[in-house]
C-alpha atoms as a PDB file:
ATOM      1  CA  MET A   1      -0.035  -0.036   0.160  1.00  0.00           C
ATOM      2  CA  ILE A   2       1.237   3.544  -1.024  1.00  0.00           C
ATOM      3  CA  ARG A   3       0.640   6.160   1.756  1.00  0.00           C
ATOM      4  CA  ILE A   4      -0.367   9.513   0.994  1.00  0.00           C
ATOM      5  CA  LEU A   5       0.378  12.693   3.352  1.00  0.00           C
ATOM      6  CA  VAL A   6      -1.375  15.736   2.341  1.00  0.00           C
ATOM      7  CA  VAL A   7      -0.279  19.088   3.001  1.00  0.00           C
ATOM      8  CA  ASP A   8      -3.283  21.487   2.210  1.00  0.00           C
ATOM      9  CA  ASP A   9      -5.211  24.182   4.571  1.00  0.00           C
ATOM     10  CA  SER A  10      -8.174  22.930   2.650  1.00  0.00           C
ATOM     11  CA  SER A  11      -9.957  20.133   4.072  1.00  0.00           C
ATOM     12  CA  PHE A  12     -11.823  20.130   0.889  1.00  0.00           C
ATOM     13  CA  ALA A  13      -8.588  19.098  -1.215  1.00  0.00           C
ATOM     14  CA  TYR A  14      -7.668  16.299   1.540  1.00  0.00           C
ATOM     15  CA  ASN A  15     -11.221  14.716   0.903  1.00  0.00           C
ATOM     16  CA  GLU A  16     -10.672  15.424  -2.901  1.00  0.00           C
ATOM     17  CA  ILE A  17      -7.520  13.655  -2.936  1.00  0.00           C
ATOM     18  CA  ALA A  18      -8.824  10.762  -0.953  1.00  0.00           C
ATOM     19  CA  ASP A  19     -11.459  10.358  -3.079  1.00  0.00           C
ATOM     20  CA  LEU A  20      -9.041  10.428  -6.000  1.00  0.00           C
ATOM     21  CA  VAL A  21      -6.868   7.926  -5.173  1.00  0.00           C
ATOM     22  CA  PRO A  22      -7.820   3.831  -5.895  1.00  0.00           C
ATOM     23  CA  SER A  23      -8.257   2.443  -2.761  1.00  0.00           C
ATOM     24  CA  ASP A  24      -6.446  -0.459  -3.284  1.00  0.00           C
ATOM     25  CA  GLU A  25      -3.261   0.720  -4.161  1.00  0.00           C
ATOM     26  CA  TYR A  26      -3.107   4.094  -1.783  1.00  0.00           C
ATOM     27  CA  GLU A  27      -3.853   5.359   1.220  1.00  0.00           C
ATOM     28  CA  VAL A  28      -4.586   8.649   2.538  1.00  0.00           C
ATOM     29  CA  ILE A  29      -2.669   8.591   6.104  1.00  0.00           C
ATOM     30  CA  ALA A  30      -2.464  12.253   7.186  1.00  0.00           C
ATOM     31  CA  HIS A  31      -3.736  15.761   6.330  1.00  0.00           C
ATOM     32  CA  ALA A  32      -1.708  18.187   7.523  1.00  0.00           C
ATOM     33  CA  LYS A  33      -3.035  21.964   7.249  1.00  0.00           C
ATOM     34  CA  ASP A  34       0.100  23.958   7.319  1.00  0.00           C
ATOM     35  CA  GLY A  35       3.795  23.718   6.311  1.00  0.00           C
ATOM     36  CA  GLU A  36       4.698  23.467   9.979  1.00  0.00           C
ATOM     37  CA  GLU A  37       2.429  20.560  10.574  1.00  0.00           C
ATOM     38  CA  GLY A  38       3.682  18.943   7.266  1.00  0.00           C
ATOM     39  CA  ILE A  39       7.246  19.042   7.973  1.00  0.00           C
ATOM     40  CA  ARG A  40       6.448  17.330  11.276  1.00  0.00           C
ATOM     41  CA  LEU A  41       4.248  14.879   9.837  1.00  0.00           C
ATOM     42  CA  TYR A  42       6.597  13.595   7.341  1.00  0.00           C
ATOM     43  CA  GLU A  43       9.112  13.220   9.603  1.00  0.00           C
ATOM     44  CA  GLU A  44       6.895  11.129  11.848  1.00  0.00           C
ATOM     45  CA  LEU A  45       4.999   9.046   9.413  1.00  0.00           C
ATOM     46  CA  LYS A  46       7.931   8.470   6.210  1.00  0.00           C
ATOM     47  CA  PRO A  47       4.883   8.917   3.708  1.00  0.00           C
ATOM     48  CA  ASP A  48       5.909   7.294   0.312  1.00  0.00           C
ATOM     49  CA  ILE A  49       4.185  10.503  -1.433  1.00  0.00           C
ATOM     50  CA  VAL A  50       3.421  13.922  -0.159  1.00  0.00           C
ATOM     51  CA  THR A  51       1.122  15.994  -2.047  1.00  0.00           C
ATOM     52  CA  MET A  52       1.979  20.082  -0.948  1.00  0.00           C
ATOM     53  CA  ASP A  53      -0.333  23.117  -1.619  1.00  0.00           C
ATOM     54  CA  ILE A  54       1.963  26.168  -2.377  1.00  0.00           C
ATOM     55  CA  ILE A  55      -0.532  28.742  -0.755  1.00  0.00           C
ATOM     56  CA  MET A  56      -0.835  28.287   2.887  1.00  0.00           C
ATOM     57  CA  PRO A  57      -0.390  30.168   6.265  1.00  0.00           C
ATOM     58  CA  GLY A  58       2.917  30.548   8.149  1.00  0.00           C
ATOM     59  CA  ILE A  59       5.082  28.403   6.085  1.00  0.00           C
ATOM     60  CA  ASP A  60       3.872  27.801   3.172  1.00  0.00           C
ATOM     61  CA  GLY A  61       4.346  24.686   0.687  1.00  0.00           C
ATOM     62  CA  MET A  62       7.645  25.736  -1.339  1.00  0.00           C
ATOM     63  CA  GLU A  63       9.506  26.596   2.447  1.00  0.00           C
ATOM     64  CA  ALA A  64       8.057  23.203   3.862  1.00  0.00           C
ATOM     65  CA  ALA A  65       9.001  21.261   0.656  1.00  0.00           C
ATOM     66  CA  LYS A  66      12.665  23.111   1.157  1.00  0.00           C
ATOM     67  CA  GLU A  67      12.714  22.186   4.669  1.00  0.00           C
ATOM     68  CA  ILE A  68      12.147  18.253   3.757  1.00  0.00           C
ATOM     69  CA  ILE A  69      14.581  18.008   1.279  1.00  0.00           C
ATOM     70  CA  GLN A  70      17.271  19.335   3.170  1.00  0.00           C
ATOM     71  CA  LYS A  71      16.686  16.527   5.827  1.00  0.00           C
ATOM     72  CA  ASP A  72      15.564  14.180   3.349  1.00  0.00           C
ATOM     73  CA  PRO A  73      17.086  14.619  -0.083  1.00  0.00           C
ATOM     74  CA  THR A  74      14.895  11.547  -1.408  1.00  0.00           C
ATOM     75  CA  ALA A  75      11.823  13.711  -0.837  1.00  0.00           C
ATOM     76  CA  THR A  76      12.661  15.376  -4.518  1.00  0.00           C
ATOM     77  CA  HIS A  77      11.034  12.128  -6.007  1.00  0.00           C
ATOM     78  CA  LYS A  78       7.850  12.166  -3.105  1.00  0.00           C
ATOM     79  CA  ILE A  79       6.612  15.806  -3.430  1.00  0.00           C
ATOM     80  CA  ILE A  80       3.468  16.516  -5.803  1.00  0.00           C
ATOM     81  CA  MET A  81       2.983  20.507  -5.643  1.00  0.00           C
ATOM     82  CA  LEU A  82      -0.256  21.545  -6.169  1.00  0.00           C
ATOM     83  CA  SER A  83      -1.426  25.469  -6.763  1.00  0.00           C
ATOM     84  CA  SER A  84      -3.749  27.464  -8.197  1.00  0.00           C
ATOM     85  CA  LEU A  85      -0.834  29.767  -9.681  1.00  0.00           C
ATOM     86  CA  CYS A  86       0.865  27.121 -12.005  1.00  0.00           C
ATOM     87  CA  ASP A  87       2.855  29.575 -14.291  1.00  0.00           C
ATOM     88  CA  MET A  88       6.783  29.433 -15.322  1.00  0.00           C
ATOM     89  CA  ASP A  89       8.051  31.203 -12.286  1.00  0.00           C
ATOM     90  CA  THR A  90       6.216  28.599 -10.056  1.00  0.00           C
ATOM     91  CA  LEU A  91       7.579  25.678 -12.517  1.00  0.00           C
ATOM     92  CA  ASN A  92      10.803  27.037 -12.320  1.00  0.00           C
ATOM     93  CA  GLU A  93      10.779  26.702  -8.644  1.00  0.00           C
ATOM     94  CA  VAL A  94       9.399  23.562  -8.379  1.00  0.00           C
ATOM     95  CA  HIS A  95      12.335  22.267 -10.443  1.00  0.00           C
ATOM     96  CA  ALA A  96      14.973  23.758  -9.060  1.00  0.00           C
ATOM     97  CA  LEU A  97      14.042  22.544  -5.504  1.00  0.00           C
ATOM     98  CA  GLY A  98      14.437  19.141  -7.776  1.00  0.00           C
ATOM     99  CA  MET A  99      10.877  18.121  -7.700  1.00  0.00           C
ATOM    100  CA  ARG A 100       9.106  17.005 -11.041  1.00  0.00           C
ATOM    101  CA  HIS A 101       5.324  17.645 -10.429  1.00  0.00           C
ATOM    102  CA  LEU A 102       3.510  20.741 -10.679  1.00  0.00           C
ATOM    103  CA  ILE A 103      -0.155  20.223 -10.854  1.00  0.00           C
ATOM    104  CA  PRO A 104      -3.205  23.289 -11.172  1.00  0.00           C
ATOM    105  CA  LYS A 105      -6.089  23.441  -8.840  1.00  0.00           C
ATOM    106  CA  PRO A 106      -8.382  22.494  -9.408  1.00  0.00           C
ATOM    107  CA  ILE A 107      -7.267  19.107  -9.713  1.00  0.00           C
ATOM    108  CA  GLU A 108      -7.747  17.063 -13.021  1.00  0.00           C
ATOM    109  CA  LYS A 109      -8.080  13.421 -12.108  1.00  0.00           C
ATOM    110  CA  ASP A 110      -6.247  11.978 -14.692  1.00  0.00           C
ATOM    111  CA  VAL A 111      -3.182  13.925 -14.053  1.00  0.00           C
ATOM    112  CA  PHE A 112      -3.153  13.576 -10.805  1.00  0.00           C
ATOM    113  CA  LEU A 113      -3.434   9.633 -11.355  1.00  0.00           C
ATOM    114  CA  TYR A 114      -0.687   9.893 -14.198  1.00  0.00           C
ATOM    115  CA  ALA A 115       1.971  12.299 -11.450  1.00  0.00           C
ATOM    116  CA  ILE A 116       1.438   9.893  -8.692  1.00  0.00           C
ATOM    117  CA  SER A 117       1.963   6.621 -10.520  1.00  0.00           C
ATOM    118  CA  HIS A 118       5.103   8.384 -12.008  1.00  0.00           C
ATOM    119  CA  LEU A 119       6.695   9.080  -9.202  1.00  0.00           C
ATOM    120  CA  GLU A 120      10.212   7.434  -8.699  1.00  0.00           C
END
């Protein structure tokens, strides 16, 4: 079972992701509502995949991803960034941190399932 940590200040996004993933392959194990909680839960739960919203109160998703990657360089292949701000600057920032995926919100099921099935 592939374990997913959702880091998003929106409960709607958490529920949407939980509903999108096939329950026979994936399990959404936790929901962090901000970057600080996301970092803590990543260290505590060691998920296989992290979906990380960019715009959140406190530590935003980019900063949280950066901190997670500093502590665990393999996390670049585990984090999928999500945002309503999907422009070239944001994509370049995601790539500069070593991550490959930036998915626009609202989430399209096919795009999301492709991304989670093509993580290394």
